Amino acid sequence: YKTFSLADNGQLEEFRPRTDIEALVSLRNRTSQIEHDKTQAFPQALKNRISSIITDEEARLRAKFDRVLSVNSQIVRLMAN
């Protein structure tokens, strides 16, 4: 069996789990779209809430990515010694 998901562009694609980097890029793209949508009639409270959710998720992913980089650099230092 193959599992399919709906891609950001609306097309069906074979599902594969996203890496943290891909998730961060996807969040960036959605953030850009929301910034673009702000020019249209959209309730301010809803815009603020959506932006807040995206900002929180982006911060969570950045922190996770920073931890991975930190562990990687520690491993490199240990291997160098």
N, C-alpha and C. Protein backbone atom coordinates (compact mmCIF):
# COMPACT_ATOMS: atom_id res chain seq x y z
N TYR A 1 0.83 -1.19 0.00
CA TYR A 1 0.00 0.00 0.00
C TYR A 1 0.87 1.25 0.00
N LYS A 2 0.40 2.25 -0.72
CA LYS A 2 1.07 3.54 -0.70
C LYS A 2 0.15 4.54 -0.02
N THR A 3 0.72 5.45 0.70
CA THR A 3 -0.05 6.50 1.35
C THR A 3 0.20 7.80 0.62
N PHE A 4 -0.87 8.54 0.37
CA PHE A 4 -0.74 9.80 -0.34
C PHE A 4 -1.19 10.93 0.57
N SER A 5 -0.63 12.10 0.31
CA SER A 5 -1.03 13.28 1.07
C SER A 5 -1.24 14.43 0.09
N LEU A 6 -1.89 15.47 0.56
CA LEU A 6 -2.13 16.65 -0.26
C LEU A 6 -0.95 17.60 -0.08
N ALA A 7 -0.26 17.88 -1.16
CA ALA A 7 0.92 18.75 -1.10
C ALA A 7 0.48 20.20 -0.92
N ASP A 8 1.46 21.06 -0.59
CA ASP A 8 1.18 22.49 -0.41
C ASP A 8 0.56 23.10 -1.67
N ASN A 9 0.90 22.55 -2.84
CA ASN A 9 0.37 23.09 -4.09
C ASN A 9 -0.98 22.49 -4.48
N GLY A 10 -1.55 21.67 -3.59
CA GLY A 10 -2.88 21.11 -3.85
C GLY A 10 -2.86 19.79 -4.61
N GLN A 11 -1.69 19.31 -4.98
CA GLN A 11 -1.57 18.05 -5.72
C GLN A 11 -1.39 16.88 -4.76
N LEU A 12 -1.86 15.71 -5.18
CA LEU A 12 -1.61 14.51 -4.38
C LEU A 12 -0.18 14.06 -4.61
N GLU A 13 0.49 13.69 -3.55
CA GLU A 13 1.84 13.16 -3.68
C GLU A 13 2.00 12.01 -2.70
N GLU A 14 2.95 11.14 -3.02
CA GLU A 14 3.19 10.02 -2.12
C GLU A 14 3.72 10.57 -0.80
N PHE A 15 3.14 10.08 0.29
CA PHE A 15 3.51 10.60 1.61
C PHE A 15 4.87 10.10 2.02
N ARG A 16 5.66 10.98 2.57
CA ARG A 16 6.89 10.62 3.26
C ARG A 16 7.03 11.61 4.40
N PRO A 17 7.50 11.16 5.55
CA PRO A 17 7.64 12.07 6.68
C PRO A 17 8.58 13.23 6.34
N ARG A 18 8.24 14.42 6.79
CA ARG A 18 9.08 15.58 6.54
C ARG A 18 10.22 15.64 7.55
N THR A 19 11.34 16.12 7.07
CA THR A 19 12.44 16.40 8.00
C THR A 19 12.15 17.73 8.68
N ASP A 20 12.86 18.02 9.74
CA ASP A 20 12.67 19.30 10.43
C ASP A 20 12.98 20.48 9.50
N ILE A 21 13.99 20.32 8.65
CA ILE A 21 14.35 21.40 7.73
C ILE A 21 13.21 21.64 6.75
N GLU A 22 12.64 20.57 6.20
CA GLU A 22 11.52 20.72 5.27
C GLU A 22 10.33 21.37 5.96
N ALA A 23 10.09 20.99 7.21
CA ALA A 23 8.98 21.58 7.95
C ALA A 23 9.22 23.07 8.17
N LEU A 24 10.46 23.45 8.45
CA LEU A 24 10.79 24.86 8.65
C LEU A 24 10.60 25.65 7.36
N VAL A 25 11.03 25.08 6.24
CA VAL A 25 10.85 25.74 4.94
C VAL A 25 9.36 25.88 4.63
N SER A 26 8.59 24.83 4.90
CA SER A 26 7.16 24.88 4.66
C SER A 26 6.50 25.97 5.51
N LEU A 27 6.92 26.07 6.78
CA LEU A 27 6.39 27.13 7.64
C LEU A 27 6.74 28.51 7.09
N ARG A 28 7.95 28.67 6.60
CA ARG A 28 8.37 29.94 6.00
C ARG A 28 7.45 30.29 4.82
N ASN A 29 7.19 29.29 3.97
CA ASN A 29 6.33 29.52 2.81
C ASN A 29 4.92 29.91 3.23
N ARG A 30 4.39 29.21 4.24
CA ARG A 30 3.05 29.54 4.73
C ARG A 30 3.02 30.92 5.38
N THR A 31 4.10 31.28 6.07
CA THR A 31 4.18 32.61 6.67
C THR A 31 4.13 33.67 5.58
N SER A 32 4.86 33.45 4.50
CA SER A 32 4.85 34.40 3.38
C SER A 32 3.45 34.52 2.80
N GLN A 33 2.76 33.38 2.68
CA GLN A 33 1.39 33.40 2.14
C GLN A 33 0.47 34.19 3.06
N ILE A 34 0.61 34.01 4.37
CA ILE A 34 -0.23 34.74 5.32
C ILE A 34 0.07 36.23 5.23
N GLU A 35 1.34 36.59 5.10
CA GLU A 35 1.69 38.01 4.94
C GLU A 35 1.01 38.57 3.69
N HIS A 36 0.99 37.78 2.63
CA HIS A 36 0.33 38.21 1.39
C HIS A 36 -1.18 38.35 1.61
N ASP A 37 -1.76 37.40 2.34
CA ASP A 37 -3.21 37.41 2.58
C ASP A 37 -3.64 38.57 3.46
N LYS A 38 -2.71 39.14 4.21
CA LYS A 38 -3.06 40.26 5.10
C LYS A 38 -3.58 41.45 4.31
N THR A 39 -3.23 41.52 3.02
CA THR A 39 -3.70 42.63 2.21
C THR A 39 -5.17 42.46 1.83
N GLN A 40 -5.70 41.26 2.01
CA GLN A 40 -7.10 40.99 1.71
C GLN A 40 -7.93 41.15 2.96
N ALA A 41 -9.25 41.18 2.80
CA ALA A 41 -10.14 41.33 3.95
C ALA A 41 -10.06 40.09 4.82
N PHE A 42 -9.44 40.21 5.96
CA PHE A 42 -9.21 39.10 6.87
C PHE A 42 -9.25 39.67 8.27
N PRO A 43 -10.09 39.16 9.16
CA PRO A 43 -10.18 39.75 10.50
C PRO A 43 -8.82 39.81 11.19
N GLN A 44 -8.49 40.96 11.76
CA GLN A 44 -7.18 41.18 12.37
C GLN A 44 -6.88 40.18 13.48
N ALA A 45 -7.87 39.88 14.31
CA ALA A 45 -7.65 38.94 15.41
C ALA A 45 -7.25 37.56 14.89
N LEU A 46 -7.90 37.14 13.80
CA LEU A 46 -7.58 35.83 13.22
C LEU A 46 -6.18 35.85 12.60
N LYS A 47 -5.83 36.95 11.92
CA LYS A 47 -4.48 37.08 11.36
C LYS A 47 -3.44 36.99 12.47
N ASN A 48 -3.70 37.69 13.57
CA ASN A 48 -2.75 37.68 14.68
C ASN A 48 -2.61 36.28 15.27
N ARG A 49 -3.73 35.58 15.42
CA ARG A 49 -3.70 34.23 15.99
C ARG A 49 -2.92 33.27 15.09
N ILE A 50 -3.18 33.32 13.80
CA ILE A 50 -2.46 32.45 12.86
C ILE A 50 -0.97 32.76 12.88
N SER A 51 -0.62 34.03 12.86
CA SER A 51 0.79 34.42 12.89
C SER A 51 1.45 33.94 14.18
N SER A 52 0.72 34.01 15.29
CA SER A 52 1.24 33.57 16.58
C SER A 52 1.51 32.07 16.58
N ILE A 53 0.58 31.30 16.03
CA ILE A 53 0.75 29.84 15.95
C ILE A 53 1.98 29.50 15.11
N ILE A 54 2.11 30.14 13.98
CA ILE A 54 3.25 29.87 13.09
C ILE A 54 4.56 30.27 13.77
N THR A 55 4.56 31.42 14.43
CA THR A 55 5.77 31.88 15.13
C THR A 55 6.17 30.89 16.22
N ASP A 56 5.19 30.42 16.99
CA ASP A 56 5.47 29.45 18.06
C ASP A 56 6.04 28.16 17.49
N GLU A 57 5.44 27.66 16.42
CA GLU A 57 5.90 26.41 15.82
C GLU A 57 7.29 26.57 15.21
N GLU A 58 7.51 27.71 14.57
CA GLU A 58 8.83 27.97 13.99
C GLU A 58 9.89 28.03 15.09
N ALA A 59 9.57 28.66 16.21
CA ALA A 59 10.50 28.75 17.34
C ALA A 59 10.80 27.36 17.90
N ARG A 60 9.77 26.51 17.99
CA ARG A 60 9.95 25.16 18.49
C ARG A 60 10.89 24.37 17.57
N LEU A 61 10.66 24.48 16.26
CA LEU A 61 11.51 23.76 15.30
C LEU A 61 12.94 24.30 15.31
N ARG A 62 13.08 25.62 15.43
CA ARG A 62 14.42 26.21 15.49
C ARG A 62 15.18 25.70 16.72
N ALA A 63 14.49 25.65 17.87
CA ALA A 63 15.13 25.18 19.10
C ALA A 63 15.56 23.72 18.94
N LYS A 64 14.71 22.91 18.33
CA LYS A 64 15.04 21.50 18.11
C LYS A 64 16.25 21.39 17.18
N PHE A 65 16.25 22.17 16.12
CA PHE A 65 17.34 22.15 15.16
C PHE A 65 18.64 22.62 15.83
N ASP A 66 18.55 23.67 16.66
CA ASP A 66 19.73 24.16 17.38
C ASP A 66 20.30 23.09 18.31
N ARG A 67 19.41 22.33 18.97
CA ARG A 67 19.87 21.25 19.85
C ARG A 67 20.62 20.18 19.04
N VAL A 68 20.09 19.85 17.87
CA VAL A 68 20.75 18.85 17.01
C VAL A 68 22.13 19.36 16.59
N LEU A 69 22.22 20.64 16.20
CA LEU A 69 23.51 21.20 15.81
C LEU A 69 24.48 21.19 16.99
N SER A 70 23.99 21.49 18.17
CA SER A 70 24.83 21.51 19.37
C SER A 70 25.38 20.11 19.65
N VAL A 71 24.52 19.11 19.59
CA VAL A 71 24.96 17.73 19.82
C VAL A 71 25.97 17.32 18.76
N ASN A 72 25.70 17.68 17.50
CA ASN A 72 26.63 17.34 16.42
C ASN A 72 28.00 17.97 16.65
N SER A 73 28.02 19.24 17.08
CA SER A 73 29.31 19.90 17.30
C SER A 73 30.03 19.28 18.49
N GLN A 74 29.28 18.84 19.51
CA GLN A 74 29.90 18.16 20.65
C GLN A 74 30.54 16.84 20.21
N ILE A 75 29.84 16.12 19.35
CA ILE A 75 30.37 14.84 18.84
C ILE A 75 31.65 15.09 18.05
N VAL A 76 31.64 16.13 17.21
CA VAL A 76 32.82 16.45 16.41
C VAL A 76 33.99 16.79 17.33
N ARG A 77 33.73 17.58 18.39
CA ARG A 77 34.80 17.93 19.34
C ARG A 77 35.35 16.68 20.03
N LEU A 78 34.46 15.78 20.44
CA LEU A 78 34.90 14.56 21.11
C LEU A 78 35.74 13.69 20.18
N MET A 79 35.33 13.62 18.92
CA MET A 79 36.08 12.81 17.96
C MET A 79 37.44 13.42 17.66
N ALA A 80 37.53 14.75 17.75
CA ALA A 80 38.80 15.44 17.46
C ALA A 80 39.81 15.24 18.59
N ASN A 81 39.30 14.98 19.80
CA ASN A 81 40.21 14.81 20.95
C ASN A 81 40.75 13.41 21.06
